[in-house]
Every structure is written in structure tokens, then in C-alpha cells.
N, C-alpha and C. Protein backbone atom coordinates (compact mmCIF):
# COMPACT_ATOMS: atom_id res chain seq x y z
N MET A 1 100.14 143.47 119.02
CA MET A 1 100.11 143.24 117.58
C MET A 1 101.51 143.42 117.01
N ASN A 2 101.93 142.45 116.26
CA ASN A 2 103.20 142.54 115.55
C ASN A 2 103.01 143.49 114.37
N GLU A 3 103.69 144.61 114.36
CA GLU A 3 103.49 145.62 113.33
C GLU A 3 103.93 145.15 111.94
N LYS A 4 104.58 144.01 111.84
CA LYS A 4 104.91 143.44 110.53
C LYS A 4 103.68 142.81 109.88
N LEU A 5 102.61 142.65 110.64
CA LEU A 5 101.41 142.00 110.13
C LEU A 5 100.38 142.98 109.58
N VAL A 6 100.63 144.28 109.73
CA VAL A 6 99.72 145.31 109.21
C VAL A 6 100.54 146.37 108.48
N THR A 7 99.84 147.17 107.67
CA THR A 7 100.53 148.25 106.95
C THR A 7 101.10 149.26 107.93
N SER A 8 102.21 149.85 107.55
CA SER A 8 102.85 150.90 108.35
C SER A 8 102.00 152.16 108.29
N LEU A 9 102.29 153.11 109.16
CA LEU A 9 101.58 154.39 109.14
C LEU A 9 101.75 155.06 107.77
N SER A 10 102.96 155.07 107.24
CA SER A 10 103.23 155.71 105.96
C SER A 10 102.39 155.09 104.84
N ILE A 11 102.37 153.78 104.76
CA ILE A 11 101.59 153.09 103.72
C ILE A 11 100.10 153.28 103.97
N SER A 12 99.67 153.25 105.22
CA SER A 12 98.25 153.48 105.55
C SER A 12 97.82 154.87 105.09
N GLN A 13 98.68 155.86 105.27
CA GLN A 13 98.38 157.23 104.81
C GLN A 13 98.29 157.27 103.29
N GLN A 14 99.20 156.57 102.61
CA GLN A 14 99.17 156.54 101.14
C GLN A 14 97.90 155.86 100.63
N MET A 15 97.46 154.83 101.34
CA MET A 15 96.24 154.13 100.94
C MET A 15 95.03 155.05 101.09
N LYS A 16 95.00 155.81 102.17
CA LYS A 16 93.91 156.76 102.38
C LYS A 16 93.92 157.83 101.28
N GLU A 17 95.11 158.35 100.97
CA GLU A 17 95.25 159.37 99.92
C GLU A 17 94.84 158.82 98.55
N ALA A 18 95.04 157.52 98.31
CA ALA A 18 94.65 156.88 97.05
C ALA A 18 93.14 156.66 96.97
N GLY A 19 92.44 156.90 98.09
CA GLY A 19 90.99 156.78 98.10
C GLY A 19 90.45 155.48 98.64
N ILE A 20 91.30 154.66 99.21
CA ILE A 20 90.86 153.38 99.76
C ILE A 20 90.09 153.63 101.05
N GLU A 21 88.91 153.05 101.14
CA GLU A 21 88.01 153.27 102.28
C GLU A 21 88.70 152.92 103.60
N GLN A 22 88.46 153.74 104.59
CA GLN A 22 89.11 153.59 105.89
C GLN A 22 88.11 153.20 106.99
N LYS A 23 87.05 152.49 106.63
CA LYS A 23 86.03 152.11 107.60
C LYS A 23 86.65 151.29 108.73
N LEU A 24 86.38 151.74 109.95
CA LEU A 24 86.92 151.05 111.12
C LEU A 24 85.79 150.32 111.84
N ASP A 25 86.01 149.06 112.12
CA ASP A 25 85.07 148.25 112.87
C ASP A 25 85.74 147.75 114.13
N GLU A 26 84.94 147.27 115.04
CA GLU A 26 85.48 146.72 116.28
C GLU A 26 86.47 145.61 115.96
N GLY A 27 87.62 145.67 116.59
CA GLY A 27 88.66 144.67 116.38
C GLY A 27 89.67 145.05 115.30
N ASP A 28 89.44 146.18 114.61
CA ASP A 28 90.40 146.63 113.60
C ASP A 28 91.57 147.34 114.27
N TRP A 29 92.69 147.34 113.57
CA TRP A 29 93.87 148.08 114.01
C TRP A 29 93.98 149.34 113.18
N ALA A 30 94.39 150.45 113.80
CA ALA A 30 94.55 151.71 113.08
C ALA A 30 95.55 152.58 113.83
N TYR A 31 96.06 153.57 113.10
CA TYR A 31 97.00 154.51 113.69
C TYR A 31 96.24 155.75 114.16
N CYS A 32 96.45 156.09 115.40
CA CYS A 32 95.82 157.25 116.03
C CYS A 32 96.48 158.52 115.50
N SER A 33 95.65 159.50 115.15
CA SER A 33 96.19 160.74 114.60
C SER A 33 96.90 161.60 115.65
N CYS A 34 96.57 161.41 116.91
CA CYS A 34 97.19 162.26 117.94
C CYS A 34 98.58 161.75 118.35
N CYS A 35 98.81 160.44 118.24
CA CYS A 35 100.10 159.92 118.69
C CYS A 35 100.81 159.09 117.62
N ASN A 36 100.12 158.81 116.50
CA ASN A 36 100.66 157.99 115.40
C ASN A 36 101.07 156.59 115.83
N LYS A 37 100.43 156.09 116.88
CA LYS A 37 100.70 154.73 117.34
C LYS A 37 99.58 153.80 116.89
N LEU A 38 99.90 152.54 116.79
CA LEU A 38 98.95 151.51 116.39
C LEU A 38 98.07 151.15 117.58
N HIS A 39 96.74 151.19 117.37
CA HIS A 39 95.79 150.88 118.43
C HIS A 39 94.72 149.92 117.93
N LEU A 40 94.17 149.14 118.85
CA LEU A 40 93.03 148.28 118.58
C LEU A 40 91.76 149.06 118.88
N PHE A 41 90.77 148.96 117.99
CA PHE A 41 89.52 149.69 118.17
C PHE A 41 88.45 148.81 118.79
N ALA A 42 87.59 149.44 119.59
CA ALA A 42 86.45 148.74 120.20
C ALA A 42 85.28 149.71 120.29
N ASN A 43 84.07 149.17 120.26
CA ASN A 43 82.85 149.97 120.43
C ASN A 43 82.29 149.70 121.81
N ASP A 44 81.65 150.73 122.41
CA ASP A 44 80.93 150.50 123.66
C ASP A 44 79.44 150.35 123.35
N ASP A 45 78.62 150.23 124.37
CA ASP A 45 77.18 150.03 124.18
C ASP A 45 76.50 151.21 123.50
N ASP A 46 77.09 152.38 123.53
CA ASP A 46 76.52 153.58 122.91
C ASP A 46 77.10 153.85 121.53
N ASP A 47 77.79 152.87 120.96
CA ASP A 47 78.44 153.00 119.65
C ASP A 47 79.55 154.03 119.61
N ASN A 48 80.11 154.40 120.76
CA ASN A 48 81.31 155.21 120.78
C ASN A 48 82.48 154.30 120.45
N ILE A 49 83.46 154.84 119.75
CA ILE A 49 84.62 154.03 119.37
C ILE A 49 85.80 154.43 120.25
N TYR A 50 86.52 153.42 120.72
CA TYR A 50 87.66 153.65 121.60
C TYR A 50 88.88 152.93 121.06
N CYS A 51 90.02 153.53 121.26
CA CYS A 51 91.25 152.76 121.14
C CYS A 51 91.58 152.35 122.58
N ILE A 52 92.64 151.69 122.79
CA ILE A 52 92.97 151.20 124.13
C ILE A 52 93.10 152.35 125.13
N ASP A 53 93.58 153.52 124.66
CA ASP A 53 93.89 154.62 125.55
C ASP A 53 92.78 155.64 125.76
N HIS A 54 91.97 155.90 124.72
CA HIS A 54 91.01 156.99 124.85
C HIS A 54 89.88 156.89 123.82
N LYS A 55 88.82 157.70 124.05
CA LYS A 55 87.69 157.76 123.15
C LYS A 55 88.10 158.48 121.87
N ILE A 56 87.61 157.98 120.73
CA ILE A 56 87.91 158.56 119.44
C ILE A 56 86.84 159.58 119.11
N GLU A 57 87.25 160.80 118.91
CA GLU A 57 86.30 161.86 118.59
C GLU A 57 86.04 161.97 117.09
N ASN A 58 87.07 161.78 116.28
CA ASN A 58 86.93 161.94 114.84
C ASN A 58 87.60 160.77 114.13
N VAL A 59 86.80 159.80 113.70
CA VAL A 59 87.34 158.60 113.07
C VAL A 59 88.06 158.93 111.75
N GLU A 60 87.66 160.00 111.07
CA GLU A 60 88.28 160.37 109.79
C GLU A 60 89.76 160.71 109.94
N GLU A 61 90.19 161.07 111.12
CA GLU A 61 91.60 161.43 111.31
C GLU A 61 92.50 160.23 111.58
N TRP A 62 91.93 159.06 111.60
CA TRP A 62 92.69 157.84 111.85
C TRP A 62 93.02 157.16 110.53
N HIS A 63 94.06 156.34 110.54
CA HIS A 63 94.46 155.59 109.35
C HIS A 63 94.37 154.11 109.65
N LYS A 64 93.52 153.41 108.92
CA LYS A 64 93.35 151.98 109.13
C LYS A 64 94.65 151.24 108.79
N ALA A 65 95.00 150.29 109.62
CA ALA A 65 96.15 149.42 109.38
C ALA A 65 95.61 148.12 108.78
N PHE A 66 95.87 147.91 107.51
CA PHE A 66 95.33 146.76 106.80
C PHE A 66 96.20 145.53 106.99
N THR A 67 95.57 144.37 107.05
CA THR A 67 96.29 143.09 107.14
C THR A 67 96.50 142.53 105.74
N ALA A 68 97.39 141.54 105.64
CA ALA A 68 97.61 140.87 104.36
C ALA A 68 96.33 140.20 103.88
N GLY A 69 95.53 139.67 104.80
CA GLY A 69 94.27 139.05 104.42
C GLY A 69 93.31 140.04 103.78
N GLU A 70 93.21 141.23 104.36
CA GLU A 70 92.34 142.27 103.80
C GLU A 70 92.85 142.71 102.43
N LEU A 71 94.15 142.89 102.30
CA LEU A 71 94.73 143.29 101.02
C LEU A 71 94.54 142.21 99.96
N GLY A 72 94.65 140.96 100.37
CA GLY A 72 94.43 139.84 99.45
C GLY A 72 93.03 139.83 98.89
N GLU A 73 92.06 140.26 99.69
CA GLU A 73 90.68 140.37 99.22
C GLU A 73 90.51 141.55 98.26
N MET A 74 91.29 142.60 98.42
CA MET A 74 91.16 143.81 97.59
C MET A 74 91.90 143.69 96.26
N LEU A 75 93.02 142.98 96.24
CA LEU A 75 93.80 142.86 95.01
C LEU A 75 93.09 141.91 94.04
N PRO A 76 92.97 142.33 92.76
CA PRO A 76 92.37 141.42 91.77
C PRO A 76 93.27 140.19 91.59
N LYS A 77 92.66 139.03 91.47
CA LYS A 77 93.44 137.80 91.28
C LYS A 77 93.99 137.71 89.86
N ARG A 78 93.21 138.26 88.91
CA ARG A 78 93.62 138.31 87.52
C ARG A 78 93.36 139.72 86.99
N LYS A 79 94.19 140.14 86.05
CA LYS A 79 94.05 141.49 85.51
C LYS A 79 94.59 141.52 84.09
N LEU A 80 93.88 142.19 83.19
CA LEU A 80 94.36 142.39 81.83
C LEU A 80 95.36 143.55 81.84
N ILE A 81 96.61 143.25 81.52
CA ILE A 81 97.68 144.24 81.53
C ILE A 81 98.46 144.12 80.23
N ASN A 82 98.61 145.23 79.53
CA ASN A 82 99.30 145.24 78.24
C ASN A 82 98.73 144.18 77.29
N ASP A 83 97.40 144.08 77.27
CA ASP A 83 96.67 143.12 76.42
C ASP A 83 96.97 141.67 76.75
N ARG A 84 97.44 141.41 77.95
CA ARG A 84 97.72 140.03 78.38
C ARG A 84 96.97 139.73 79.68
N GLU A 85 96.38 138.57 79.76
CA GLU A 85 95.71 138.14 81.00
C GLU A 85 96.80 137.72 81.99
N CYS A 86 96.92 138.47 83.08
CA CYS A 86 97.97 138.23 84.06
C CYS A 86 97.37 137.81 85.40
N SER A 87 98.15 137.07 86.16
CA SER A 87 97.74 136.60 87.48
C SER A 87 98.55 137.30 88.55
N LEU A 88 97.92 137.47 89.70
CA LEU A 88 98.62 138.01 90.86
C LEU A 88 99.73 137.06 91.27
N ARG A 89 100.91 137.60 91.50
CA ARG A 89 102.08 136.81 91.91
C ARG A 89 102.68 137.44 93.16
N ILE A 90 102.95 136.63 94.15
CA ILE A 90 103.60 137.09 95.37
C ILE A 90 104.76 136.14 95.64
N TRP A 91 105.96 136.70 95.86
CA TRP A 91 107.12 135.85 96.07
C TRP A 91 108.16 136.56 96.93
N THR A 92 109.17 135.81 97.33
CA THR A 92 110.29 136.37 98.07
C THR A 92 111.56 136.15 97.27
N ASN A 93 112.61 136.86 97.67
CA ASN A 93 113.92 136.59 97.06
C ASN A 93 114.43 135.26 97.61
N ASP A 94 115.58 134.83 97.15
CA ASP A 94 116.11 133.52 97.52
C ASP A 94 116.33 133.34 99.02
N THR A 95 116.64 134.42 99.72
CA THR A 95 116.89 134.31 101.16
C THR A 95 115.63 134.50 101.99
N GLY A 96 114.53 134.91 101.35
CA GLY A 96 113.29 135.15 102.07
C GLY A 96 113.28 136.47 102.82
N GLU A 97 114.27 137.30 102.56
CA GLU A 97 114.41 138.57 103.27
C GLU A 97 113.47 139.65 102.71
N TYR A 98 113.19 139.60 101.41
CA TYR A 98 112.38 140.63 100.76
C TYR A 98 111.17 140.02 100.05
N TRP A 99 110.07 140.77 100.05
CA TRP A 99 108.82 140.36 99.42
C TRP A 99 108.59 141.19 98.16
N TYR A 100 107.93 140.56 97.19
CA TYR A 100 107.54 141.21 95.94
C TYR A 100 106.09 140.85 95.63
N CYS A 101 105.38 141.76 94.99
CA CYS A 101 104.01 141.52 94.60
C CYS A 101 103.81 142.15 93.23
N GLY A 102 103.27 141.40 92.29
CA GLY A 102 103.07 141.92 90.95
C GLY A 102 102.11 141.06 90.16
N TYR A 103 102.01 141.34 88.88
CA TYR A 103 101.15 140.59 87.97
C TYR A 103 101.99 140.11 86.80
N GLY A 104 101.82 138.84 86.47
CA GLY A 104 102.60 138.27 85.40
C GLY A 104 101.93 137.08 84.76
N ARG A 105 102.65 136.54 83.76
CA ARG A 105 102.12 135.41 83.00
C ARG A 105 103.31 134.64 82.44
N ASN A 106 103.27 133.34 82.57
CA ASN A 106 104.32 132.47 82.02
C ASN A 106 105.72 132.90 82.44
N GLY A 107 105.88 133.29 83.70
CA GLY A 107 107.18 133.66 84.23
C GLY A 107 107.64 135.05 83.88
N ILE A 108 106.84 135.80 83.13
CA ILE A 108 107.22 137.17 82.76
C ILE A 108 106.34 138.13 83.55
N MET A 109 106.98 139.03 84.30
CA MET A 109 106.24 140.00 85.10
C MET A 109 105.89 141.21 84.24
N GLU A 110 104.62 141.57 84.25
CA GLU A 110 104.17 142.76 83.53
C GLU A 110 104.28 144.01 84.41
N ILE A 111 103.89 143.89 85.69
CA ILE A 111 104.04 145.01 86.62
C ILE A 111 104.43 144.50 87.98
N ASN A 112 105.25 145.28 88.66
CA ASN A 112 105.69 144.99 90.02
C ASN A 112 105.44 146.26 90.82
N GLY A 113 104.55 146.20 91.80
CA GLY A 113 104.12 147.38 92.53
C GLY A 113 105.17 148.07 93.35
N SER A 114 106.09 147.33 93.91
CA SER A 114 107.07 147.97 94.81
C SER A 114 108.32 148.42 94.08
N HIS A 115 108.60 147.85 92.92
CA HIS A 115 109.80 148.19 92.16
C HIS A 115 111.05 148.09 93.03
N GLY A 116 111.04 147.20 93.95
CA GLY A 116 112.18 147.07 94.84
C GLY A 116 111.92 146.03 95.90
N LYS A 117 112.50 146.22 97.02
CA LYS A 117 112.47 145.23 98.08
C LYS A 117 111.61 145.70 99.24
N ASP A 118 110.67 144.87 99.64
CA ASP A 118 109.85 145.16 100.81
C ASP A 118 110.15 144.12 101.88
N LYS A 119 110.29 144.60 103.10
CA LYS A 119 110.63 143.71 104.22
C LYS A 119 109.46 142.86 104.70
N THR A 120 108.21 143.29 104.36
CA THR A 120 107.04 142.52 104.82
C THR A 120 106.10 142.24 103.66
N LEU A 121 105.38 141.15 103.77
CA LEU A 121 104.38 140.77 102.79
C LEU A 121 103.32 141.86 102.65
N VAL A 122 102.84 142.37 103.78
CA VAL A 122 101.76 143.33 103.78
C VAL A 122 102.16 144.64 103.08
N GLU A 123 103.38 145.08 103.24
CA GLU A 123 103.84 146.31 102.57
C GLU A 123 103.90 146.10 101.06
N SER A 124 104.38 144.95 100.63
CA SER A 124 104.47 144.66 99.21
C SER A 124 103.08 144.62 98.57
N MET A 125 102.13 143.99 99.24
CA MET A 125 100.76 143.91 98.73
C MET A 125 100.11 145.30 98.68
N ALA A 126 100.31 146.09 99.71
CA ALA A 126 99.72 147.44 99.76
C ALA A 126 100.30 148.32 98.65
N LYS A 127 101.60 148.25 98.42
CA LYS A 127 102.21 149.04 97.36
C LYS A 127 101.67 148.64 95.99
N MET A 128 101.40 147.35 95.81
CA MET A 128 100.83 146.89 94.55
C MET A 128 99.44 147.48 94.36
N LEU A 129 98.62 147.47 95.39
CA LEU A 129 97.27 148.01 95.31
C LEU A 129 97.31 149.51 95.00
N ILE A 130 98.17 150.24 95.68
CA ILE A 130 98.31 151.68 95.42
C ILE A 130 98.76 151.91 93.98
N HIS A 131 99.71 151.12 93.51
CA HIS A 131 100.21 151.24 92.14
C HIS A 131 99.08 151.02 91.12
N LEU A 132 98.25 150.01 91.35
CA LEU A 132 97.14 149.72 90.44
C LEU A 132 96.17 150.90 90.37
N ILE A 133 95.87 151.50 91.51
CA ILE A 133 94.94 152.63 91.56
C ILE A 133 95.56 153.86 90.89
N GLN A 134 96.77 154.21 91.28
CA GLN A 134 97.40 155.43 90.79
C GLN A 134 97.70 155.39 89.29
N ASN A 135 97.85 154.19 88.73
CA ASN A 135 98.17 154.07 87.32
C ASN A 135 96.98 153.64 86.46
N GLY A 136 95.79 153.68 87.05
CA GLY A 136 94.56 153.44 86.31
C GLY A 136 94.27 151.99 85.93
N PHE A 137 94.95 151.04 86.58
CA PHE A 137 94.67 149.64 86.29
C PHE A 137 93.37 149.17 86.94
N ILE A 138 93.01 149.82 88.07
CA ILE A 138 91.73 149.53 88.72
C ILE A 138 91.13 150.84 89.24
N ASN A 139 89.83 150.83 89.41
CA ASN A 139 89.11 151.95 90.01
C ASN A 139 88.81 151.61 91.46
N ILE A 140 88.66 152.65 92.26
CA ILE A 140 88.31 152.44 93.66
C ILE A 140 87.04 151.61 93.78
N SER A 141 86.09 151.85 92.87
CA SER A 141 84.83 151.10 92.93
C SER A 141 85.00 149.61 92.67
N ASP A 142 86.14 149.21 92.09
CA ASP A 142 86.42 147.79 91.83
C ASP A 142 86.91 147.05 93.07
N ILE A 143 87.32 147.80 94.07
CA ILE A 143 87.93 147.19 95.27
C ILE A 143 86.85 146.69 96.20
N LYS A 144 86.97 145.42 96.60
CA LYS A 144 86.03 144.83 97.53
C LYS A 144 86.62 144.89 98.94
N ILE A 145 85.96 145.66 99.81
CA ILE A 145 86.47 145.78 101.17
C ILE A 145 85.55 145.04 102.11
């Protein structure tokens, strides 16, 4: 797995702390709490969960690595911000080196989750989601996982 395609361990931890559900299903990627490495999860016939290396004893100690697709489903497409109906906007700088994610209208950005430069699309989207939760723009119950 190319680690640029999923959230980093740091962002995954922040998402868990923000209250985002960490349900792990077969085929999901997550960071193992014992080694902090990215692993693919699988179930056996007895519903035991395994990463590639070993059996998982406590799923709560793992951090799900979210994909851009999963984050795209969680982020609201439209949001009322500062009494304005805003749309989700995702873009790069002119060189394509940095990603940005925010909400805006008519070319004016109302909020930008990363307040800076993110090297991957998935990190920019995750920071936007965390920003929305931490600043009361959305409730955890509003997030569709």
C-alpha cells in the first residue's frame, strides 16, 4: 500500500481523538498499536481479526487508516458557514505539490482546514474533517461512515 493513499498515523490518531469511528472491516488498512506500522486487516472463519503479521487482541488500540474515498463520503458536500451556503472545494497549488481542502462560494474561501500546505490529498481532506468537528461545524452523528 502506498502510504500517500491513506491517512498518516498522526492524522489517524487525531481522527480517533476527534471521535471519528474506527470500525475495522476485512480489507481495511490500519496502524498497529504495537509497532505503529500500516497493516491490512483480515478475518478468519472464527471472526478473529489479523493483520499480516499477527492476531489482533484489542481492536480499540488500532488506528484506522482512511482513504480519500472514505473521507469524501464523510465530508459534507455543502455546508452553511458564516450564513453562506458553501461547497466543498479541493485544489492544488500551481505546481501540484500541495493540496488544500476547504469550503467556499464564488471563489471566496470561508474555511480552509489545513491552513497551509499538505503533501497528499488524503491528509488535506482529513484535516478539513477534523477542523469541522473541533470547531462545531458538524457533529460526529452527521458523519456517514
